[in-house]
C-alpha atoms as a PDB file:
ATOM      1  CA  UNK A   1      32.890  -5.213  -8.406  1.00  0.00           C
ATOM      2  CA  UNK A   2      32.985  -6.221  -4.745  1.00  0.00           C
ATOM      3  CA  UNK A   3      31.293  -3.989  -2.204  1.00  0.00           C
ATOM      4  CA  UNK A   4      33.693  -1.745  -0.314  1.00  0.00           C
ATOM      5  CA  UNK A   5      33.714  -2.661   3.373  1.00  0.00           C
ATOM      6  CA  UNK A   6      35.236  -0.229   5.838  1.00  0.00           C
ATOM      7  CA  UNK A   7      35.709  -0.982   9.525  1.00  0.00           C
ATOM      8  CA  UNK A   8      34.703   2.495  10.635  1.00  0.00           C
ATOM      9  CA  UNK A   9      31.143   1.878   9.413  1.00  0.00           C
ATOM     10  CA  UNK A  10      30.939  -1.176  11.681  1.00  0.00           C
ATOM     11  CA  UNK A  11      32.354   0.878  14.557  1.00  0.00           C
ATOM     12  CA  UNK A  12      29.784   3.625  13.946  1.00  0.00           C
ATOM     13  CA  UNK A  13      27.002   1.051  13.966  1.00  0.00           C
ATOM     14  CA  UNK A  14      28.178  -0.352  17.311  1.00  0.00           C
ATOM     15  CA  UNK A  15      28.428   3.167  18.706  1.00  0.00           C
ATOM     16  CA  UNK A  16      24.865   4.002  17.636  1.00  0.00           C
ATOM     17  CA  UNK A  17      23.233   0.864  19.041  1.00  0.00           C
ATOM     18  CA  UNK A  18      25.137   1.360  22.315  1.00  0.00           C
ATOM     19  CA  UNK A  19      24.402   5.076  22.810  1.00  0.00           C
ATOM     20  CA  UNK A  20      21.991   4.792  25.746  1.00  0.00           C
ATOM     21  CA  UNK A  21      21.448   8.560  26.016  1.00  0.00           C
ATOM     22  CA  UNK A  22      20.404   8.914  22.336  1.00  0.00           C
ATOM     23  CA  UNK A  23      16.675   9.159  21.595  1.00  0.00           C
ATOM     24  CA  UNK A  24      17.130   7.349  18.289  1.00  0.00           C
ATOM     25  CA  UNK A  25      19.210   4.452  19.605  1.00  0.00           C
ATOM     26  CA  UNK A  26      16.505   1.833  19.061  1.00  0.00           C
ATOM     27  CA  UNK A  27      15.520   3.336  15.715  1.00  0.00           C
ATOM     28  CA  UNK A  28      19.133   3.164  14.498  1.00  0.00           C
ATOM     29  CA  UNK A  29      19.350  -0.429  15.715  1.00  0.00           C
ATOM     30  CA  UNK A  30      16.219  -1.285  13.732  1.00  0.00           C
ATOM     31  CA  UNK A  31      17.444   0.499  10.597  1.00  0.00           C
ATOM     32  CA  UNK A  32      20.744  -1.388  10.744  1.00  0.00           C
ATOM     33  CA  UNK A  33      18.869  -4.667  11.220  1.00  0.00           C
ATOM     34  CA  UNK A  34      16.693  -4.060   8.184  1.00  0.00           C
ATOM     35  CA  UNK A  35      19.668  -2.837   6.205  1.00  0.00           C
ATOM     36  CA  UNK A  36      21.342  -6.200   6.818  1.00  0.00           C
ATOM     37  CA  UNK A  37      18.172  -8.017   5.822  1.00  0.00           C
ATOM     38  CA  UNK A  38      17.788  -6.061   2.591  1.00  0.00           C
ATOM     39  CA  UNK A  39      21.435  -6.609   1.644  1.00  0.00           C
ATOM     40  CA  UNK A  40      21.257 -10.331   2.414  1.00  0.00           C
ATOM     41  CA  UNK A  41      17.814 -11.169   1.046  1.00  0.00           C
ATOM     42  CA  UNK A  42      18.044  -9.036  -2.100  1.00  0.00           C
ATOM     43  CA  UNK A  43      21.761  -9.740  -2.649  1.00  0.00           C
ATOM     44  CA  UNK A  44      22.626  -6.053  -2.871  1.00  0.00           C
ATOM     45  CA  UNK A  45      26.191  -5.202  -3.799  1.00  0.00           C
ATOM     46  CA  UNK A  46      26.851  -2.845  -0.916  1.00  0.00           C
ATOM     47  CA  UNK A  47      27.956  -3.065   2.700  1.00  0.00           C
ATOM     48  CA  UNK A  48      27.203  -1.553   6.108  1.00  0.00           C
ATOM     49  CA  UNK A  49      25.952   2.012   5.616  1.00  0.00           C
ATOM     50  CA  UNK A  50      26.776   5.005   7.789  1.00  0.00           C
ATOM     51  CA  UNK A  51      23.237   5.743   8.933  1.00  0.00           C
ATOM     52  CA  UNK A  52      22.433   9.308   9.901  1.00  0.00           C
ATOM     53  CA  UNK A  53      19.159  10.426  11.508  1.00  0.00           C
ATOM     54  CA  UNK A  54      18.828  14.165  11.200  1.00  0.00           C
ATOM     55  CA  UNK A  55      16.731  17.140  10.159  1.00  0.00           C
ATOM     56  CA  UNK A  56      16.763  17.300   6.350  1.00  0.00           C
ATOM     57  CA  UNK A  57      15.363  19.774   3.865  1.00  0.00           C
ATOM     58  CA  UNK A  58      11.600  20.073   3.911  1.00  0.00           C
ATOM     59  CA  UNK A  59       9.983  17.394   1.789  1.00  0.00           C
ATOM     60  CA  UNK A  60      13.088  15.191   1.732  1.00  0.00           C
ATOM     61  CA  UNK A  61      12.624  11.820   3.422  1.00  0.00           C
ATOM     62  CA  UNK A  62      16.204  10.686   3.016  1.00  0.00           C
ATOM     63  CA  UNK A  63      19.300  10.815   0.880  1.00  0.00           C
ATOM     64  CA  UNK A  64      22.385   8.880  -0.100  1.00  0.00           C
ATOM     65  CA  UNK A  65      25.689  10.743  -0.303  1.00  0.00           C
ATOM     66  CA  UNK A  66      27.922   9.623  -3.143  1.00  0.00           C
ATOM     67  CA  UNK A  67      31.604   9.305  -2.345  1.00  0.00           C
ATOM     68  CA  UNK A  68      32.669  10.313   1.148  1.00  0.00           C
ATOM     69  CA  UNK A  69      30.945  12.724   3.524  1.00  0.00           C
ATOM     70  CA  UNK A  70      32.500  15.439   5.668  1.00  0.00           C
ATOM     71  CA  UNK A  71      33.811  12.843   8.134  1.00  0.00           C
ATOM     72  CA  UNK A  72      35.413  10.801   5.356  1.00  0.00           C
ATOM     73  CA  UNK A  73      32.795   8.027   5.633  1.00  0.00           C
ATOM     74  CA  UNK A  74      31.448   6.112   2.679  1.00  0.00           C
ATOM     75  CA  UNK A  75      27.844   5.008   2.143  1.00  0.00           C
ATOM     76  CA  UNK A  76      26.163   7.724   4.194  1.00  0.00           C
ATOM     77  CA  UNK A  77      22.407   7.167   4.300  1.00  0.00           C
ATOM     78  CA  UNK A  78      20.387   9.911   5.974  1.00  0.00           C
ATOM     79  CA  UNK A  79      16.820   9.459   7.201  1.00  0.00           C
ATOM     80  CA  UNK A  80      14.789  12.564   8.056  1.00  0.00           C
ATOM     81  CA  UNK A  81      13.464  12.819  11.603  1.00  0.00           C
ATOM     82  CA  UNK A  82      10.183  14.138  10.226  1.00  0.00           C
ATOM     83  CA  UNK A  83       9.892  11.040   8.034  1.00  0.00           C
ATOM     84  CA  UNK A  84      10.180   8.823  11.093  1.00  0.00           C
ATOM     85  CA  UNK A  85       7.367  10.594  12.916  1.00  0.00           C
ATOM     86  CA  UNK A  86       5.015  11.426  10.063  1.00  0.00           C
ATOM     87  CA  UNK A  87       4.944   8.249   7.992  1.00  0.00           C
ATOM     88  CA  UNK A  88       4.214   4.563   8.299  1.00  0.00           C
ATOM     89  CA  UNK A  89       7.451   2.920   9.471  1.00  0.00           C
ATOM     90  CA  UNK A  90       7.171   0.480   6.596  1.00  0.00           C
ATOM     91  CA  UNK A  91       7.515   3.463   4.266  1.00  0.00           C
ATOM     92  CA  UNK A  92      10.602   4.520   6.214  1.00  0.00           C
ATOM     93  CA  UNK A  93      12.071   1.091   5.490  1.00  0.00           C
ATOM     94  CA  UNK A  94      11.129   1.625   1.852  1.00  0.00           C
ATOM     95  CA  UNK A  95      13.206   4.803   1.928  1.00  0.00           C
ATOM     96  CA  UNK A  96      16.066   2.846   3.495  1.00  0.00           C
ATOM     97  CA  UNK A  97      15.949   0.299   0.673  1.00  0.00           C
ATOM     98  CA  UNK A  98      15.787   3.141  -1.854  1.00  0.00           C
ATOM     99  CA  UNK A  99      19.007   4.636  -0.474  1.00  0.00           C
ATOM    100  CA  UNK A 100      20.701   1.223  -0.309  1.00  0.00           C
ATOM    101  CA  UNK A 101      19.997   0.876  -4.031  1.00  0.00           C
ATOM    102  CA  UNK A 102      21.848   4.154  -4.572  1.00  0.00           C
ATOM    103  CA  UNK A 103      24.776   2.683  -2.639  1.00  0.00           C
ATOM    104  CA  UNK A 104      24.670  -0.426  -4.795  1.00  0.00           C
ATOM    105  CA  UNK A 105      24.500   1.590  -7.992  1.00  0.00           C
ATOM    106  CA  UNK A 106      27.559   3.604  -7.001  1.00  0.00           C
ATOM    107  CA  UNK A 107      29.438   0.368  -6.397  1.00  0.00           C
ATOM    108  CA  UNK A 108      28.203  -1.822  -9.233  1.00  0.00           C
ATOM    109  CA  UNK A 109      26.086   0.243 -11.616  1.00  0.00           C
ATOM    110  CA  UNK A 110      26.232   3.412 -13.647  1.00  0.00           C
ATOM    111  CA  UNK A 111      24.761   6.607 -12.286  1.00  0.00           C
ATOM    112  CA  UNK A 112      23.328   9.065 -14.761  1.00  0.00           C
ATOM    113  CA  UNK A 113      25.046  12.443 -14.920  1.00  0.00           C
ATOM    114  CA  UNK A 114      21.898  14.488 -15.330  1.00  0.00           C
ATOM    115  CA  UNK A 115      19.447  11.953 -13.987  1.00  0.00           C
ATOM    116  CA  UNK A 116      20.112  10.867 -10.454  1.00  0.00           C
ATOM    117  CA  UNK A 117      17.291   8.339 -10.710  1.00  0.00           C
ATOM    118  CA  UNK A 118      18.099   7.012 -14.143  1.00  0.00           C
ATOM    119  CA  UNK A 119      16.500   4.083 -15.930  1.00  0.00           C
ATOM    120  CA  UNK A 120      18.887   1.568 -14.407  1.00  0.00           C
ATOM    121  CA  UNK A 121      18.033   2.700 -10.886  1.00  0.00           C
ATOM    122  CA  UNK A 122      14.280   2.864 -11.466  1.00  0.00           C
ATOM    123  CA  UNK A 123      14.228  -0.548 -13.096  1.00  0.00           C
ATOM    124  CA  UNK A 124      16.228  -2.063 -10.251  1.00  0.00           C
ATOM    125  CA  UNK A 125      13.878  -0.490  -7.697  1.00  0.00           C
ATOM    126  CA  UNK A 126      10.820  -1.758  -9.598  1.00  0.00           C
ATOM    127  CA  UNK A 127      12.148  -5.308  -9.395  1.00  0.00           C
ATOM    128  CA  UNK A 128      11.571  -5.117  -5.627  1.00  0.00           C
ATOM    129  CA  UNK A 129       8.233  -3.309  -5.823  1.00  0.00           C
ATOM    130  CA  UNK A 130       9.457   0.279  -5.381  1.00  0.00           C
ATOM    131  CA  UNK A 131       8.089   2.598  -8.060  1.00  0.00           C
ATOM    132  CA  UNK A 132      10.382   5.596  -8.441  1.00  0.00           C
ATOM    133  CA  UNK A 133       9.996   8.457 -10.897  1.00  0.00           C
ATOM    134  CA  UNK A 134      12.738  10.591 -12.406  1.00  0.00           C
ATOM    135  CA  UNK A 135      12.547  13.071  -9.518  1.00  0.00           C
ATOM    136  CA  UNK A 136      13.017  10.289  -6.958  1.00  0.00           C
ATOM    137  CA  UNK A 137       9.434  10.305  -5.638  1.00  0.00           C
ATOM    138  CA  UNK A 138       8.541   6.815  -4.513  1.00  0.00           C
ATOM    139  CA  UNK A 139       5.366   4.749  -4.404  1.00  0.00           C
ATOM    140  CA  UNK A 140       4.830   1.020  -3.889  1.00  0.00           C
ATOM    141  CA  UNK A 141       3.487  -1.722  -6.106  1.00  0.00           C
ATOM    142  CA  UNK A 142       0.548  -3.397  -4.450  1.00  0.00           C
ATOM    143  CA  UNK A 143       1.581  -6.652  -2.727  1.00  0.00           C
ATOM    144  CA  UNK A 144       2.654  -9.285  -3.364  1.00  0.00           C
ATOM    145  CA  UNK A 145       6.081  -7.889  -4.177  1.00  0.00           C
ATOM    146  CA  UNK A 146       9.606  -8.737  -2.948  1.00  0.00           C
ATOM    147  CA  UNK A 147       9.513  -5.723  -0.612  1.00  0.00           C
ATOM    148  CA  UNK A 148       6.248  -6.658   1.098  1.00  0.00           C
ATOM    149  CA  UNK A 149       6.983 -10.389   0.926  1.00  0.00           C
ATOM    150  CA  UNK A 150      10.048  -9.807   3.087  1.00  0.00           C
ATOM    151  CA  UNK A 151       7.865  -8.649   5.974  1.00  0.00           C
ATOM    152  CA  UNK A 152       5.767 -11.792   5.609  1.00  0.00           C
ATOM    153  CA  UNK A 153       8.918 -13.902   5.676  1.00  0.00           C
ATOM    154  CA  UNK A 154       9.886 -12.447   9.048  1.00  0.00           C
ATOM    155  CA  UNK A 155       6.326 -12.715  10.343  1.00  0.00           C
ATOM    156  CA  UNK A 156       5.770  -8.947  10.493  1.00  0.00           C
ATOM    157  CA  UNK A 157       2.489  -7.350   9.455  1.00  0.00           C
ATOM    158  CA  UNK A 158       3.087  -3.617   9.913  1.00  0.00           C
ATOM    159  CA  UNK A 159       6.521  -2.917  11.416  1.00  0.00           C
ATOM    160  CA  UNK A 160       6.390  -0.243  14.085  1.00  0.00           C
ATOM    161  CA  UNK A 161       9.078   2.305  14.781  1.00  0.00           C
ATOM    162  CA  UNK A 162      10.915   1.370  17.971  1.00  0.00           C
ATOM    163  CA  UNK A 163      11.229   4.251  20.397  1.00  0.00           C
ATOM    164  CA  UNK A 164      12.032   4.797  24.045  1.00  0.00           C
ATOM    165  CA  UNK A 165       9.509   7.649  24.011  1.00  0.00           C
ATOM    166  CA  UNK A 166       6.787   6.930  21.481  1.00  0.00           C
ATOM    167  CA  UNK A 167       4.889  10.095  22.328  1.00  0.00           C
ATOM    168  CA  UNK A 168       7.803  12.421  21.679  1.00  0.00           C
ATOM    169  CA  UNK A 169       8.087  14.438  18.497  1.00  0.00           C
ATOM    170  CA  UNK A 170      10.826  16.363  16.771  1.00  0.00           C
ATOM    171  CA  UNK A 171      13.429  17.794  19.115  1.00  0.00           C
ATOM    172  CA  UNK A 172      11.096  17.596  22.108  1.00  0.00           C
ATOM    173  CA  UNK A 173       8.536  19.873  20.470  1.00  0.00           C
ATOM    174  CA  UNK A 174       5.068  20.151  22.014  1.00  0.00           C
ATOM    175  CA  UNK A 175       3.558  20.377  18.539  1.00  0.00           C
ATOM    176  CA  UNK A 176       1.307  17.418  17.785  1.00  0.00           C
ATOM    177  CA  UNK A 177       0.658  15.991  14.344  1.00  0.00           C
ATOM    178  CA  UNK A 178      -2.799  16.096  12.731  1.00  0.00           C
ATOM    179  CA  UNK A 179      -3.872  14.744   9.343  1.00  0.00           C
ATOM    180  CA  UNK A 180      -6.833  15.252   7.039  1.00  0.00           C
ATOM    181  CA  UNK A 181      -8.716  12.588   5.090  1.00  0.00           C
ATOM    182  CA  UNK A 182      -7.067  13.094   1.704  1.00  0.00           C
ATOM    183  CA  UNK A 183      -5.842   9.855   0.124  1.00  0.00           C
ATOM    184  CA  UNK A 184      -3.301   8.684  -0.733  1.00  0.00           C
ATOM    185  CA  UNK A 185      -1.461  11.789   0.507  1.00  0.00           C
ATOM    186  CA  UNK A 186      -3.111  13.520   3.458  1.00  0.00           C
ATOM    187  CA  UNK A 187      -2.114  16.999   4.567  1.00  0.00           C
ATOM    188  CA  UNK A 188       0.060  16.967   7.701  1.00  0.00           C
ATOM    189  CA  UNK A 189       0.053  19.885  10.131  1.00  0.00           C
ATOM    190  CA  UNK A 190       1.488  20.405  13.614  1.00  0.00           C
ATOM    191  CA  UNK A 191      -0.095  22.541  16.327  1.00  0.00           C
ATOM    192  CA  UNK A 192       0.216  22.896  20.102  1.00  0.00           C
ATOM    193  CA  UNK A 193      -3.537  23.401  20.614  1.00  0.00           C
ATOM    194  CA  UNK A 194      -5.131  20.495  22.496  1.00  0.00           C
ATOM    195  CA  UNK A 195      -8.670  21.191  21.239  1.00  0.00           C
ATOM    196  CA  UNK A 196      -7.552  21.963  17.687  1.00  0.00           C
ATOM    197  CA  UNK A 197     -10.372  22.074  15.115  1.00  0.00           C
ATOM    198  CA  UNK A 198      -9.766  22.437  11.386  1.00  0.00           C
ATOM    199  CA  UNK A 199     -11.156  21.140   8.129  1.00  0.00           C
ATOM    200  CA  UNK A 200      -9.418  20.440   4.842  1.00  0.00           C
ATOM    201  CA  UNK A 201     -11.149  22.223   1.953  1.00  0.00           C
ATOM    202  CA  UNK A 202      -9.893  19.591  -0.491  1.00  0.00           C
ATOM    203  CA  UNK A 203     -11.419  16.456   1.071  1.00  0.00           C
ATOM    204  CA  UNK A 204     -13.925  18.363   3.262  1.00  0.00           C
ATOM    205  CA  UNK A 205     -12.974  16.240   6.290  1.00  0.00           C
ATOM    206  CA  UNK A 206     -11.850  17.330   9.732  1.00  0.00           C
ATOM    207  CA  UNK A 207      -8.233  16.969  10.810  1.00  0.00           C
ATOM    208  CA  UNK A 208      -7.694  14.153  13.294  1.00  0.00           C
ATOM    209  CA  UNK A 209      -4.719  13.338  15.545  1.00  0.00           C
ATOM    210  CA  UNK A 210      -1.936  11.499  13.761  1.00  0.00           C
ATOM    211  CA  UNK A 211      -1.609   7.876  14.798  1.00  0.00           C
ATOM    212  CA  UNK A 212       1.794   6.688  16.058  1.00  0.00           C
ATOM    213  CA  UNK A 213       4.256   5.740  13.336  1.00  0.00           C
ATOM    214  CA  UNK A 214       3.596   2.269  12.041  1.00  0.00           C
ATOM    215  CA  UNK A 215      -0.179   2.301  12.635  1.00  0.00           C
ATOM    216  CA  UNK A 216      -1.216   4.217   9.541  1.00  0.00           C
ATOM    217  CA  UNK A 217      -2.364   2.627   6.333  1.00  0.00           C
ATOM    218  CA  UNK A 218       0.400   1.922   3.788  1.00  0.00           C
ATOM    219  CA  UNK A 219       0.333   3.954   0.611  1.00  0.00           C
ATOM    220  CA  UNK A 220      -0.001   1.788  -2.470  1.00  0.00           C
ATOM    221  CA  UNK A 221       0.474   3.844  -5.593  1.00  0.00           C
ATOM    222  CA  UNK A 222       0.264   1.057  -8.153  1.00  0.00           C
ATOM    223  CA  UNK A 223      -1.518  -2.213  -8.743  1.00  0.00           C
ATOM    224  CA  UNK A 224      -0.023  -5.401 -10.144  1.00  0.00           C
ATOM    225  CA  UNK A 225      -1.557  -4.615 -13.524  1.00  0.00           C
ATOM    226  CA  UNK A 226       0.254  -1.311 -13.688  1.00  0.00           C
ATOM    227  CA  UNK A 227       3.694  -2.683 -12.853  1.00  0.00           C
ATOM    228  CA  UNK A 228       5.182  -5.888 -14.196  1.00  0.00           C
ATOM    229  CA  UNK A 229       6.788  -7.570 -11.229  1.00  0.00           C
ATOM    230  CA  UNK A 230      10.224  -9.049 -11.822  1.00  0.00           C
ATOM    231  CA  UNK A 231      12.296 -11.032  -9.380  1.00  0.00           C
ATOM    232  CA  UNK A 232      15.778  -9.830  -8.388  1.00  0.00           C
ATOM    233  CA  UNK A 233      18.398 -11.214 -10.734  1.00  0.00           C
ATOM    234  CA  UNK A 234      21.116 -11.791  -8.190  1.00  0.00           C
ATOM    235  CA  UNK A 235      23.977  -9.363  -8.013  1.00  0.00           C
ATOM    236  CA  UNK A 236      23.969  -8.080 -11.589  1.00  0.00           C
ATOM    237  CA  UNK A 237      22.207  -5.136 -13.166  1.00  0.00           C
ATOM    238  CA  UNK A 238      20.270  -6.979 -15.845  1.00  0.00           C
ATOM    239  CA  UNK A 239      16.635  -6.040 -16.242  1.00  0.00           C
ATOM    240  CA  UNK A 240      13.857  -5.952 -18.773  1.00  0.00           C
ATOM    241  CA  UNK A 241      11.324  -3.233 -19.422  1.00  0.00           C
ATOM    242  CA  UNK A 242       7.674  -3.785 -18.632  1.00  0.00           C
ATOM    243  CA  UNK A 243       6.626  -2.239 -21.964  1.00  0.00           C
ATOM    244  CA  UNK A 244       8.033  -1.411 -25.372  1.00  0.00           C
ATOM    245  CA  UNK A 245       8.342   2.341 -24.885  1.00  0.00           C
ATOM    246  CA  UNK A 246      11.827   3.765 -24.611  1.00  0.00           C
ATOM    247  CA  UNK A 247      10.998   6.067 -21.728  1.00  0.00           C
ATOM    248  CA  UNK A 248       9.898   4.975 -18.320  1.00  0.00           C
ATOM    249  CA  UNK A 249       6.124   4.644 -18.271  1.00  0.00           C
ATOM    250  CA  UNK A 250       5.689   4.553 -14.527  1.00  0.00           C
ATOM    251  CA  UNK A 251       3.178   7.290 -13.881  1.00  0.00           C
ATOM    252  CA  UNK A 252       1.941   8.327 -10.511  1.00  0.00           C
ATOM    253  CA  UNK A 253      -1.756   8.481  -9.825  1.00  0.00           C
ATOM    254  CA  UNK A 254      -1.329  12.134  -9.076  1.00  0.00           C
ATOM    255  CA  UNK A 255       0.480  14.613 -11.302  1.00  0.00           C
ATOM    256  CA  UNK A 256       4.067  15.435 -10.413  1.00  0.00           C
ATOM    257  CA  UNK A 257       3.150  19.105 -10.155  1.00  0.00           C
ATOM    258  CA  UNK A 258       2.547  20.367  -6.682  1.00  0.00           C
ATOM    259  CA  UNK A 259      -1.135  20.504  -5.723  1.00  0.00           C
ATOM    260  CA  UNK A 260      -2.167  23.343  -3.442  1.00  0.00           C
ATOM    261  CA  UNK A 261      -4.069  22.067  -0.409  1.00  0.00           C
ATOM    262  CA  UNK A 262      -5.954  24.684   1.562  1.00  0.00           C
ATOM    263  CA  UNK A 263      -6.773  24.370   5.265  1.00  0.00           C
ATOM    264  CA  UNK A 264      -9.759  26.108   6.810  1.00  0.00           C
ATOM    265  CA  UNK A 265      -9.424  26.825  10.537  1.00  0.00           C
ATOM    266  CA  UNK A 266     -12.718  26.515  12.367  1.00  0.00           C
END
């Protein structure tokens, strides 16, 4: 099935990259650029997305809206503002690819009724080095993988988030981001205290100022031994399992249950 191409998505893209008074103009331009690269390099069966940068539900980095949104647009991909400011920009691009795979699945695959991230989706994502569980939580296979190899192809080590005001945070807030030493998932907090002092009771390390997006270490959840790397098979949905079990065996290093992380204010 050919990808549905609608002119209004192109018009929206041109509007976004030309909106000089929009704080996320350069970010949107970068997301559209990488969207084109992912579609071209990985031969994804989808077209120009309607990218939305907005405040999403807490804990949600992004989403893909099936069908048409409230404006009648297809292929809406939303990226959370918090995700842009609190995570490595390479992980933001991983979220973008994740949502593009949802767009492709709607066009050329078969979405599960009760399982949004069904086996077909997870297997397709794994072929690029994205390890996704049934709840949609995403980790990355340790490089080399098609996802990380793409950055090498374009001569990019750690892509940084473009911004006209790199020091700004959400909605002009004066709250600054601080992180503890927990790995691979540090606790993130925001405070407006310049001489803030606090210690995480889990890792027993002090909170330190968050580095600008794109300068933090990437989170690798899996090694090559844990995930069998497969190369993209063109435009079809034909994959093989990395083991003989019927159910997906991708297991995160940490349990899916929420872990309580306590902060001690000094």
